[in-house]
C-alpha atoms as a PDB file:
ATOM      1  CA  MET A   1     120.184-128.807-111.127  1.00  0.00           C
ATOM      2  CA  ALA A   2     119.343-125.755-109.040  1.00  0.00           C
ATOM      3  CA  ARG A   3     120.144-124.081-105.744  1.00  0.00           C
ATOM      4  CA  ILE A   4     116.810-124.104-103.910  1.00  0.00           C
ATOM      5  CA  LEU A   5     115.695-122.370-100.710  1.00  0.00           C
ATOM      6  CA  VAL A   6     112.871-124.173 -98.915  1.00  0.00           C
ATOM      7  CA  THR A   7     111.105-122.087 -96.260  1.00  0.00           C
ATOM      8  CA  GLY A   8     109.369-123.959 -93.456  1.00  0.00           C
ATOM      9  CA  ALA A   9     111.851-126.787 -93.930  1.00  0.00           C
ATOM     10  CA  GLY A  10     111.388-128.098 -90.404  1.00  0.00           C
ATOM     11  CA  GLY A  11     107.724-128.969 -90.922  1.00  0.00           C
ATOM     12  CA  PHE A  12     106.136-132.235 -92.009  1.00  0.00           C
ATOM     13  CA  ILE A  13     106.382-131.485 -95.741  1.00  0.00           C
ATOM     14  CA  GLY A  14     109.769-129.766 -95.567  1.00  0.00           C
ATOM     15  CA  ARG A  15     111.474-132.662 -93.788  1.00  0.00           C
ATOM     16  CA  SER A  16     110.595-134.943 -96.697  1.00  0.00           C
ATOM     17  CA  LEU A  17     110.958-132.392 -99.476  1.00  0.00           C
ATOM     18  CA  CYS A  18     114.512-131.251 -98.666  1.00  0.00           C
ATOM     19  CA  PRO A  19     116.108-134.720 -98.862  1.00  0.00           C
ATOM     20  CA  GLY A  20     113.909-135.528-101.850  1.00  0.00           C
ATOM     21  CA  LEU A  21     115.264-132.538-103.759  1.00  0.00           C
ATOM     22  CA  ALA A  22     118.827-133.299-102.661  1.00  0.00           C
ATOM     23  CA  ALA A  23     118.471-136.882-103.894  1.00  0.00           C
ATOM     24  CA  ARG A  24     117.562-135.456-107.317  1.00  0.00           C
ATOM     25  CA  GLY A  25     120.840-133.531-107.417  1.00  0.00           C
ATOM     26  CA  HIS A  26     119.737-130.077-106.242  1.00  0.00           C
ATOM     27  CA  GLN A  27     121.618-127.947-103.724  1.00  0.00           C
ATOM     28  CA  VAL A  28     119.075-127.396-100.951  1.00  0.00           C
ATOM     29  CA  ILE A  29     118.978-124.689 -98.295  1.00  0.00           C
ATOM     30  CA  ALA A  30     116.671-125.629 -95.421  1.00  0.00           C
ATOM     31  CA  GLY A  31     115.143-122.343 -94.284  1.00  0.00           C
ATOM     32  CA  LEU A  32     114.217-122.395 -90.597  1.00  0.00           C
ATOM     33  CA  ARG A  33     112.521-119.760 -88.504  1.00  0.00           C
ATOM     34  CA  ASP A  34     114.716-120.179 -85.423  1.00  0.00           C
ATOM     35  CA  GLY A  35     116.454-123.517 -85.583  1.00  0.00           C
ATOM     36  CA  LEU A  36     115.395-127.106 -85.107  1.00  0.00           C
ATOM     37  CA  VAL A  37     113.548-128.260 -82.026  1.00  0.00           C
ATOM     38  CA  PRO A  38     116.100-129.738 -79.607  1.00  0.00           C
ATOM     39  CA  GLY A  39     116.348-133.489 -79.992  1.00  0.00           C
ATOM     40  CA  THR A  40     115.104-133.579 -83.580  1.00  0.00           C
ATOM     41  CA  PRO A  41     117.466-134.939 -86.237  1.00  0.00           C
ATOM     42  CA  PRO A  42     119.076-132.636 -88.813  1.00  0.00           C
ATOM     43  CA  ILE A  43     117.377-132.231 -92.183  1.00  0.00           C
ATOM     44  CA  GLU A  44     119.089-134.723 -94.422  1.00  0.00           C
ATOM     45  CA  GLY A  45     120.888-133.454 -97.519  1.00  0.00           C
ATOM     46  CA  ALA A  46     120.297-129.759 -96.819  1.00  0.00           C
ATOM     47  CA  GLU A  47     122.270-126.776 -95.596  1.00  0.00           C
ATOM     48  CA  PRO A  48     120.365-125.247 -92.632  1.00  0.00           C
ATOM     49  CA  ARG A  49     119.818-121.495 -92.638  1.00  0.00           C
ATOM     50  CA  ILE A  50     118.049-119.488 -89.920  1.00  0.00           C
ATOM     51  CA  LEU A  51     115.661-117.064 -91.618  1.00  0.00           C
ATOM     52  CA  GLY A  52     113.825-115.617 -88.631  1.00  0.00           C
ATOM     53  CA  GLU A  53     110.259-114.390 -88.969  1.00  0.00           C
ATOM     54  CA  ILE A  54     108.823-114.161 -92.484  1.00  0.00           C
ATOM     55  CA  ALA A  55     106.812-110.983 -92.118  1.00  0.00           C
ATOM     56  CA  PRO A  56     105.517-108.039 -94.164  1.00  0.00           C
ATOM     57  CA  GLY A  57     108.203-105.402 -94.687  1.00  0.00           C
ATOM     58  CA  ARG A  58     110.953-107.826 -93.708  1.00  0.00           C
ATOM     59  CA  ASP A  59     114.384-107.102 -95.150  1.00  0.00           C
ATOM     60  CA  TRP A  60     116.193-110.102 -96.631  1.00  0.00           C
ATOM     61  CA  PRO A  61     119.868-109.087 -96.965  1.00  0.00           C
ATOM     62  CA  GLY A  62     122.052-112.027 -97.884  1.00  0.00           C
ATOM     63  CA  ALA A  63     119.438-114.729 -97.277  1.00  0.00           C
ATOM     64  CA  LEU A  64     118.719-115.167-100.985  1.00  0.00           C
ATOM     65  CA  VAL A  65     122.207-114.769-102.439  1.00  0.00           C
ATOM     66  CA  GLY A  66     122.867-117.466-105.031  1.00  0.00           C
ATOM     67  CA  VAL A  67     119.354-118.910-104.788  1.00  0.00           C
ATOM     68  CA  GLU A  68     117.681-119.821-108.088  1.00  0.00           C
ATOM     69  CA  LEU A  69     114.354-121.174-106.814  1.00  0.00           C
ATOM     70  CA  VAL A  70     112.303-120.533-103.689  1.00  0.00           C
ATOM     71  CA  ILE A  71     109.800-123.089-102.428  1.00  0.00           C
ATOM     72  CA  HIS A  72     107.626-121.361 -99.854  1.00  0.00           C
ATOM     73  CA  LEU A  73     106.165-123.813 -97.338  1.00  0.00           C
ATOM     74  CA  ALA A  74     106.254-121.709 -94.185  1.00  0.00           C
ATOM     75  CA  GLN A  75     102.690-121.167 -92.974  1.00  0.00           C
ATOM     76  CA  ARG A  76     100.398-121.338 -90.005  1.00  0.00           C
ATOM     77  CA  ALA A  77      98.959-124.815 -89.468  1.00  0.00           C
ATOM     78  CA  HIS A  78      95.260-124.996 -90.272  1.00  0.00           C
ATOM     79  CA  ARG A  79      94.279-126.238 -86.826  1.00  0.00           C
ATOM     80  CA  ARG A  80      95.834-123.156 -85.192  1.00  0.00           C
ATOM     81  CA  ALA A  81      94.718-120.625 -87.791  1.00  0.00           C
ATOM     82  CA  ASP A  82      92.392-117.697 -87.319  1.00  0.00           C
ATOM     83  CA  ARG A  83      91.943-114.503 -89.309  1.00  0.00           C
ATOM     84  CA  HIS A  84      94.167-112.477 -86.965  1.00  0.00           C
ATOM     85  CA  THR A  85      97.178-114.817 -87.066  1.00  0.00           C
ATOM     86  CA  LEU A  86      96.771-115.272 -90.824  1.00  0.00           C
ATOM     87  CA  ALA A  87      96.312-111.613 -91.729  1.00  0.00           C
ATOM     88  CA  GLY A  88     100.005-110.958 -92.363  1.00  0.00           C
ATOM     89  CA  GLU A  89     100.704-113.978 -94.564  1.00  0.00           C
ATOM     90  CA  PRO A  90      99.903-112.420 -97.964  1.00  0.00           C
ATOM     91  CA  GLY A  91     102.133-109.424 -97.262  1.00  0.00           C
ATOM     92  CA  ALA A  92     104.905-111.608 -95.858  1.00  0.00           C
ATOM     93  CA  ALA A  93     104.926-113.876 -98.911  1.00  0.00           C
ATOM     94  CA  ALA A  94     104.856-110.873-101.254  1.00  0.00           C
ATOM     95  CA  ALA A  95     107.825-109.315 -99.451  1.00  0.00           C
ATOM     96  CA  LEU A  96     109.771-112.560 -99.831  1.00  0.00           C
ATOM     97  CA  ALA A  97     108.873-112.751-103.524  1.00  0.00           C
ATOM     98  CA  HIS A  98     109.947-109.120-104.106  1.00  0.00           C
ATOM     99  CA  ALA A  99     113.273-109.817-102.407  1.00  0.00           C
ATOM    100  CA  ALA A 100     113.647-112.975-104.465  1.00  0.00           C
ATOM    101  CA  THR A 101     113.266-111.080-107.734  1.00  0.00           C
ATOM    102  CA  GLN A 102     115.844-108.539-106.628  1.00  0.00           C
ATOM    103  CA  ALA A 103     118.254-111.365-105.761  1.00  0.00           C
ATOM    104  CA  GLY A 104     117.882-112.937-109.198  1.00  0.00           C
ATOM    105  CA  VAL A 105     115.618-115.841-108.224  1.00  0.00           C
ATOM    106  CA  ARG A 106     113.860-117.042-111.364  1.00  0.00           C
ATOM    107  CA  ARG A 107     111.046-119.219-109.976  1.00  0.00           C
ATOM    108  CA  PHE A 108     108.890-119.112-106.833  1.00  0.00           C
ATOM    109  CA  LEU A 109     106.759-122.137-105.899  1.00  0.00           C
ATOM    110  CA  TYR A 110     104.065-121.530-103.318  1.00  0.00           C
ATOM    111  CA  MET A 111     102.482-124.378-101.359  1.00  0.00           C
ATOM    112  CA  SER A 112      98.870-123.282-101.117  1.00  0.00           C
ATOM    113  CA  SER A 113      95.952-125.587-100.283  1.00  0.00           C
ATOM    114  CA  ILE A 114      92.814-126.974-101.873  1.00  0.00           C
ATOM    115  CA  LYS A 115      91.015-125.007 -99.159  1.00  0.00           C
ATOM    116  CA  ALA A 116      91.675-121.915-101.263  1.00  0.00           C
ATOM    117  CA  MET A 117      88.928-123.341-103.511  1.00  0.00           C
ATOM    118  CA  GLY A 118      86.506-124.499-100.825  1.00  0.00           C
ATOM    119  CA  ASP A 119      85.889-127.094 -98.137  1.00  0.00           C
ATOM    120  CA  ALA A 120      83.686-129.587 -99.978  1.00  0.00           C
ATOM    121  CA  THR A 121      82.482-130.710-103.391  1.00  0.00           C
ATOM    122  CA  ALA A 122      79.003-131.843-104.375  1.00  0.00           C
ATOM    123  CA  PRO A 123      78.529-135.583-104.961  1.00  0.00           C
ATOM    124  CA  GLY A 124      80.063-136.522-108.295  1.00  0.00           C
ATOM    125  CA  ARG A 125      81.758-133.112-108.650  1.00  0.00           C
ATOM    126  CA  ARG A 126      85.514-132.474-108.474  1.00  0.00           C
ATOM    127  CA  PHE A 127      87.524-129.279-108.057  1.00  0.00           C
ATOM    128  CA  CYS A 128      89.381-128.280-111.240  1.00  0.00           C
ATOM    129  CA  ALA A 129      92.178-125.715-111.405  1.00  0.00           C
ATOM    130  CA  ASP A 130      90.093-123.238-113.423  1.00  0.00           C
ATOM    131  CA  ASP A 131      87.073-123.345-111.089  1.00  0.00           C
ATOM    132  CA  PRO A 132      86.326-120.029-109.358  1.00  0.00           C
ATOM    133  CA  PRO A 133      87.735-120.287-105.819  1.00  0.00           C
ATOM    134  CA  ARG A 134      85.243-119.977-102.961  1.00  0.00           C
ATOM    135  CA  PRO A 135      87.146-120.495 -99.692  1.00  0.00           C
ATOM    136  CA  GLU A 136      84.925-120.993 -96.666  1.00  0.00           C
ATOM    137  CA  ASP A 137      87.182-120.308 -93.682  1.00  0.00           C
ATOM    138  CA  ALA A 138      89.965-117.964 -92.575  1.00  0.00           C
ATOM    139  CA  TYR A 139      92.677-120.422 -93.593  1.00  0.00           C
ATOM    140  CA  GLY A 140      91.347-120.874 -97.123  1.00  0.00           C
ATOM    141  CA  ARG A 141      90.811-117.137 -97.575  1.00  0.00           C
ATOM    142  CA  ALA A 142      94.376-116.430 -96.411  1.00  0.00           C
ATOM    143  CA  LYS A 143      95.735-118.992 -98.865  1.00  0.00           C
ATOM    144  CA  LEU A 144      93.829-117.420-101.750  1.00  0.00           C
ATOM    145  CA  ALA A 145      94.879-113.911-100.693  1.00  0.00           C
ATOM    146  CA  THR A 146      98.516-115.047-100.603  1.00  0.00           C
ATOM    147  CA  GLU A 147      98.227-116.585-104.064  1.00  0.00           C
ATOM    148  CA  ARG A 148      96.854-113.301-105.404  1.00  0.00           C
ATOM    149  CA  ALA A 149      99.536-111.207-103.679  1.00  0.00           C
ATOM    150  CA  LEU A 150     102.223-113.409-105.228  1.00  0.00           C
ATOM    151  CA  ALA A 151     100.544-113.234-108.635  1.00  0.00           C
ATOM    152  CA  ARG A 152     100.763-109.416-108.524  1.00  0.00           C
ATOM    153  CA  VAL A 153     104.493-109.599-107.753  1.00  0.00           C
ATOM    154  CA  ALA A 154     105.014-112.078-110.584  1.00  0.00           C
ATOM    155  CA  GLU A 155     103.096-109.923-113.054  1.00  0.00           C
ATOM    156  CA  GLU A 156     105.123-106.838-112.160  1.00  0.00           C
ATOM    157  CA  SER A 157     108.534-108.539-112.074  1.00  0.00           C
ATOM    158  CA  GLY A 158     108.431-111.463-114.496  1.00  0.00           C
ATOM    159  CA  LEU A 159     109.080-113.929-111.666  1.00  0.00           C
ATOM    160  CA  GLU A 160     107.955-117.450-112.639  1.00  0.00           C
ATOM    161  CA  LEU A 161     105.220-118.302-110.139  1.00  0.00           C
ATOM    162  CA  VAL A 162     103.962-121.845-109.542  1.00  0.00           C
ATOM    163  CA  ILE A 163     101.055-122.432-107.147  1.00  0.00           C
ATOM    164  CA  LEU A 164     100.272-125.891-105.761  1.00  0.00           C
ATOM    165  CA  ARG A 165      96.912-126.642-104.145  1.00  0.00           C
ATOM    166  CA  PRO A 166      97.173-130.071-102.505  1.00  0.00           C
ATOM    167  CA  PRO A 167      94.445-131.670-100.400  1.00  0.00           C
ATOM    168  CA  LEU A 168      95.309-133.193 -97.027  1.00  0.00           C
ATOM    169  CA  VAL A 169      98.897-134.478 -97.010  1.00  0.00           C
ATOM    170  CA  TYR A 170      99.619-137.671 -95.077  1.00  0.00           C
ATOM    171  CA  GLY A 171     102.415-140.136 -94.481  1.00  0.00           C
ATOM    172  CA  PRO A 172     104.486-141.639 -91.660  1.00  0.00           C
ATOM    173  CA  GLY A 173     104.921-139.038 -88.938  1.00  0.00           C
ATOM    174  CA  VAL A 174     101.875-136.988 -89.949  1.00  0.00           C
ATOM    175  CA  GLY A 175     100.253-134.994 -87.166  1.00  0.00           C
ATOM    176  CA  GLY A 176      97.013-133.154 -86.618  1.00  0.00           C
ATOM    177  CA  ASN A 177      93.645-134.413 -87.746  1.00  0.00           C
ATOM    178  CA  PHE A 178      94.979-137.303 -89.824  1.00  0.00           C
ATOM    179  CA  ARG A 179      97.032-138.712 -86.968  1.00  0.00           C
ATOM    180  CA  ALA A 180      93.881-138.566 -84.831  1.00  0.00           C
ATOM    181  CA  LEU A 181      91.966-140.463 -87.529  1.00  0.00           C
ATOM    182  CA  VAL A 182      94.676-143.137 -87.742  1.00  0.00           C
ATOM    183  CA  ARG A 183      94.484-143.665 -83.999  1.00  0.00           C
ATOM    184  CA  LEU A 184      90.700-143.757 -84.098  1.00  0.00           C
ATOM    185  CA  ALA A 185      90.726-146.366 -86.880  1.00  0.00           C
ATOM    186  CA  GLY A 186      93.001-148.610 -84.829  1.00  0.00           C
ATOM    187  CA  SER A 187      91.188-148.104 -81.535  1.00  0.00           C
ATOM    188  CA  LEU A 188      88.509-150.839 -81.955  1.00  0.00           C
ATOM    189  CA  LEU A 189      85.879-148.269 -81.031  1.00  0.00           C
ATOM    190  CA  PRO A 190      82.637-148.604 -83.024  1.00  0.00           C
ATOM    191  CA  LEU A 191      82.528-145.764 -85.562  1.00  0.00           C
ATOM    192  CA  PRO A 192      79.296-144.459 -87.157  1.00  0.00           C
ATOM    193  CA  PHE A 193      80.415-144.107 -90.784  1.00  0.00           C
ATOM    194  CA  ALA A 194      79.381-147.393 -92.436  1.00  0.00           C
ATOM    195  CA  ALA A 195      76.664-145.880 -94.660  1.00  0.00           C
ATOM    196  CA  LEU A 196      78.657-142.902 -95.937  1.00  0.00           C
ATOM    197  CA  ASP A 197      79.218-142.766 -99.692  1.00  0.00           C
ATOM    198  CA  ASN A 198      81.367-139.632 -99.770  1.00  0.00           C
ATOM    199  CA  ARG A 199      84.727-139.244-101.544  1.00  0.00           C
ATOM    200  CA  ARG A 200      87.851-137.555-100.177  1.00  0.00           C
ATOM    201  CA  SER A 201      91.008-136.835-102.183  1.00  0.00           C
ATOM    202  CA  LEU A 202      94.316-137.035-100.292  1.00  0.00           C
ATOM    203  CA  ILE A 203      97.981-136.981-101.271  1.00  0.00           C
ATOM    204  CA  PHE A 204     100.810-139.085 -99.858  1.00  0.00           C
ATOM    205  CA  ILE A 205     103.900-137.130 -98.827  1.00  0.00           C
ATOM    206  CA  ASP A 206     106.177-139.014-101.264  1.00  0.00           C
ATOM    207  CA  ASN A 207     103.787-138.259-104.113  1.00  0.00           C
ATOM    208  CA  LEU A 208     103.715-134.573-103.192  1.00  0.00           C
ATOM    209  CA  VAL A 209     107.525-134.440-103.014  1.00  0.00           C
ATOM    210  CA  ASP A 210     107.720-136.007-106.462  1.00  0.00           C
ATOM    211  CA  LEU A 211     105.285-133.431-107.848  1.00  0.00           C
ATOM    212  CA  VAL A 212     107.090-130.478-106.242  1.00  0.00           C
ATOM    213  CA  ALA A 213     110.405-131.709-107.638  1.00  0.00           C
ATOM    214  CA  ALA A 214     108.842-131.811-111.113  1.00  0.00           C
ATOM    215  CA  ALA A 215     107.027-128.485-110.835  1.00  0.00           C
ATOM    216  CA  ALA A 216     110.128-126.714-109.511  1.00  0.00           C
ATOM    217  CA  VAL A 217     111.960-127.147-112.815  1.00  0.00           C
ATOM    218  CA  HIS A 218     109.430-128.051-115.519  1.00  0.00           C
ATOM    219  CA  PRO A 219     109.016-125.250-118.096  1.00  0.00           C
ATOM    220  CA  ALA A 220     105.263-125.887-118.359  1.00  0.00           C
ATOM    221  CA  ALA A 221     104.701-125.271-114.637  1.00  0.00           C
ATOM    222  CA  ALA A 222     105.450-121.535-114.802  1.00  0.00           C
ATOM    223  CA  GLY A 223     102.352-119.402-114.327  1.00  0.00           C
ATOM    224  CA  ARG A 224     100.124-122.353-113.435  1.00  0.00           C
ATOM    225  CA  VAL A 225      97.893-123.307-110.547  1.00  0.00           C
ATOM    226  CA  LEU A 226      98.439-127.040-110.054  1.00  0.00           C
ATOM    227  CA  LEU A 227      96.089-129.400-108.260  1.00  0.00           C
ATOM    228  CA  ALA A 228      97.285-132.800-107.096  1.00  0.00           C
ATOM    229  CA  ALA A 229      95.996-135.982-105.499  1.00  0.00           C
ATOM    230  CA  ASP A 230      96.858-139.652-105.127  1.00  0.00           C
ATOM    231  CA  GLY A 231      94.470-140.446-107.949  1.00  0.00           C
ATOM    232  CA  VAL A 232      91.869-142.433-105.987  1.00  0.00           C
ATOM    233  CA  ALA A 233      89.330-140.599-103.855  1.00  0.00           C
ATOM    234  CA  LEU A 234      88.166-142.850-101.015  1.00  0.00           C
ATOM    235  CA  SER A 235      85.014-142.874 -98.940  1.00  0.00           C
ATOM    236  CA  THR A 236      85.444-142.386 -95.197  1.00  0.00           C
ATOM    237  CA  PRO A 237      84.568-146.014 -94.398  1.00  0.00           C
ATOM    238  CA  ALA A 238      87.024-147.296 -97.030  1.00  0.00           C
ATOM    239  CA  LEU A 239      89.729-145.014 -95.609  1.00  0.00           C
ATOM    240  CA  ILE A 240      89.100-146.193 -92.051  1.00  0.00           C
ATOM    241  CA  ARG A 241      89.195-149.845 -93.102  1.00  0.00           C
ATOM    242  CA  LEU A 242      92.606-149.367 -94.728  1.00  0.00           C
ATOM    243  CA  LEU A 243      93.990-147.481 -91.739  1.00  0.00           C
ATOM    244  CA  ALA A 244      92.740-150.191 -89.385  1.00  0.00           C
ATOM    245  CA  GLN A 245      94.180-152.937 -91.626  1.00  0.00           C
ATOM    246  CA  GLY A 246      97.598-151.287 -91.564  1.00  0.00           C
ATOM    247  CA  GLN A 247      97.512-151.522 -87.759  1.00  0.00           C
ATOM    248  CA  GLY A 248      96.513-155.180 -87.783  1.00  0.00           C
ATOM    249  CA  ARG A 249      92.932-154.398 -86.803  1.00  0.00           C
ATOM    250  CA  ALA A 250      89.489-154.745 -88.345  1.00  0.00           C
ATOM    251  CA  ALA A 251      87.437-151.558 -88.416  1.00  0.00           C
ATOM    252  CA  ARG A 252      84.196-151.636 -86.437  1.00  0.00           C
ATOM    253  CA  LEU A 253      81.688-149.561 -88.386  1.00  0.00           C
ATOM    254  CA  PHE A 254      77.978-148.979 -87.947  1.00  0.00           C
ATOM    255  CA  ALA A 255      75.544-146.700 -89.773  1.00  0.00           C
ATOM    256  CA  LEU A 256      73.988-143.415 -88.704  1.00  0.00           C
ATOM    257  CA  PRO A 257      71.293-141.765 -90.828  1.00  0.00           C
ATOM    258  CA  ASP A 258      72.349-138.787 -92.976  1.00  0.00           C
ATOM    259  CA  PRO A 259      70.068-136.336 -91.066  1.00  0.00           C
ATOM    260  CA  VAL A 260      72.055-137.024 -87.885  1.00  0.00           C
ATOM    261  CA  PHE A 261      75.306-136.069 -89.601  1.00  0.00           C
ATOM    262  CA  ALA A 262      73.621-132.999 -91.106  1.00  0.00           C
ATOM    263  CA  ALA A 263      72.613-131.868 -87.617  1.00  0.00           C
ATOM    264  CA  LEU A 264      76.078-132.534 -86.202  1.00  0.00           C
ATOM    265  CA  ARG A 265      77.684-130.473 -88.998  1.00  0.00           C
ATOM    266  CA  ARG A 266      75.803-127.425 -87.752  1.00  0.00           C
ATOM    267  CA  LEU A 267      77.237-127.615 -84.240  1.00  0.00           C
ATOM    268  CA  PRO A 268      79.936-125.067 -83.343  1.00  0.00           C
ATOM    269  CA  GLY A 269      83.267-126.675 -82.571  1.00  0.00           C
ATOM    270  CA  LEU A 270      82.292-130.206 -83.597  1.00  0.00           C
ATOM    271  CA  GLY A 271      80.798-129.271 -86.978  1.00  0.00           C
ATOM    272  CA  PRO A 272      84.027-128.776 -88.985  1.00  0.00           C
ATOM    273  CA  ALA A 273      85.429-132.155 -87.890  1.00  0.00           C
ATOM    274  CA  VAL A 274      82.184-133.918 -88.779  1.00  0.00           C
ATOM    275  CA  SER A 275      82.149-132.166 -92.155  1.00  0.00           C
ATOM    276  CA  ARG A 276      85.674-133.360 -92.976  1.00  0.00           C
ATOM    277  CA  LEU A 277      84.682-136.935 -92.215  1.00  0.00           C
ATOM    278  CA  THR A 278      81.267-136.995 -93.878  1.00  0.00           C
ATOM    279  CA  LEU A 279      81.305-134.639 -96.886  1.00  0.00           C
ATOM    280  CA  SER A 280      83.116-135.076-100.186  1.00  0.00           C
ATOM    281  CA  LEU A 281      86.184-133.177-101.350  1.00  0.00           C
ATOM    282  CA  GLU A 282      87.405-134.480-104.707  1.00  0.00           C
ATOM    283  CA  VAL A 283      90.258-133.087-106.789  1.00  0.00           C
ATOM    284  CA  ASP A 284      90.695-133.348-110.554  1.00  0.00           C
ATOM    285  CA  ASP A 285      94.432-133.104-111.225  1.00  0.00           C
ATOM    286  CA  GLY A 286      94.234-134.156-114.862  1.00  0.00           C
ATOM    287  CA  ALA A 287      95.544-130.801-116.063  1.00  0.00           C
ATOM    288  CA  THR A 288      98.610-131.127-113.792  1.00  0.00           C
ATOM    289  CA  ARG A 289      99.366-134.625-115.052  1.00  0.00           C
ATOM    290  CA  ALA A 290      98.979-133.585-118.687  1.00  0.00           C
ATOM    291  CA  ALA A 291     101.106-130.434-118.375  1.00  0.00           C
ATOM    292  CA  LEU A 292     103.993-132.015-116.463  1.00  0.00           C
ATOM    293  CA  GLY A 293     103.771-135.602-117.675  1.00  0.00           C
ATOM    294  CA  TRP A 294     103.415-136.540-114.012  1.00  0.00           C
ATOM    295  CA  SER A 295     101.640-139.289-112.133  1.00  0.00           C
ATOM    296  CA  PRO A 296     101.934-140.240-108.452  1.00  0.00           C
ATOM    297  CA  PRO A 297     104.606-142.914-108.020  1.00  0.00           C
ATOM    298  CA  VAL A 298     102.999-144.519-104.932  1.00  0.00           C
ATOM    299  CA  ALA A 299      99.506-146.046-105.035  1.00  0.00           C
ATOM    300  CA  ALA A 300      97.047-144.728-102.453  1.00  0.00           C
ATOM    301  CA  GLU A 301      96.349-148.102-100.830  1.00  0.00           C
ATOM    302  CA  ALA A 302     100.055-148.857-100.291  1.00  0.00           C
ATOM    303  CA  ALA A 303     100.642-145.328 -98.974  1.00  0.00           C
ATOM    304  CA  LEU A 304      97.791-145.497 -96.461  1.00  0.00           C
ATOM    305  CA  LEU A 305      98.850-148.931 -95.223  1.00  0.00           C
ATOM    306  CA  ALA A 306     102.442-147.699 -94.768  1.00  0.00           C
ATOM    307  CA  THR A 307     101.214-144.648 -92.844  1.00  0.00           C
ATOM    308  CA  ALA A 308      99.096-146.779 -90.535  1.00  0.00           C
ATOM    309  CA  ARG A 309     101.899-149.306 -89.975  1.00  0.00           C
ATOM    310  CA  ALA A 310     104.253-146.486 -89.006  1.00  0.00           C
ATOM    311  CA  ALA A 311     101.701-145.129 -86.545  1.00  0.00           C
ATOM    312  CA  ALA A 312     101.327-148.556 -84.990  1.00  0.00           C
ATOM    313  CA  GLY A 313     105.098-149.149 -84.915  1.00  0.00           C
ATOM    314  CA  ARG A 314     104.745-152.231 -87.125  1.00  0.00           C
END
């Protein structure tokens, strides 16, 4: 059992991860930038600690005393990210990792993103951990730059670095683009995705928590880049049908020709959203499962239905 500092503990992942680690017997410090939003419940099973801004050149006196592992979640959300707001993240993470080594922390787990590898995969192709990364936007490039900055610290100091690259994380209470998709699936609006045969990998929050808990302590995780997914990559129409079913609805789908979607993907503003819904992004996490002896404890269909039911208040 370890004493673990989780940065970004107030976010969607952190609020599930902290109690998940505590339930496994760890002593958890919930690192917060400037406290919880008024009216939100405390983070279960964790000792709150105000960390302030995680920034390049930041001094960390006392914040890491007694900590054995750092799990670094704090990051800009993708939907609010641009190259200017993201520019300081590699230096900020490196400064935290340097301070961690000086405080005697032995392992540093960084929550990166599959976007460090790219935004889409060709039909029938899946991202593997040893593929050359080719990020396509500011968020993905910042994630990859942060990974590389942390790798330099680890090489110089002997710090055990673990990098996780999950795809989109979902579950009850999820926000952003996935919450919008859940609402759309339950809206009874006709949606033009019936003919799509794409595949998208996702990961349920409970499955990600289980993987992080394993990777935080498993000897084989040190020095690895770990990919993860629920195990079943779904097409957009299959995903929408499940999300509608969980809300007691039947999805209303019709078909648009592929050239229409291709044209829409080129439009500024709308293009990225259309790409996420119509292109494939598949993840091969076989190496992660083999190295850690891990498999996701919750099946994708059950996880998606539970997420949709929560959104519908059912």
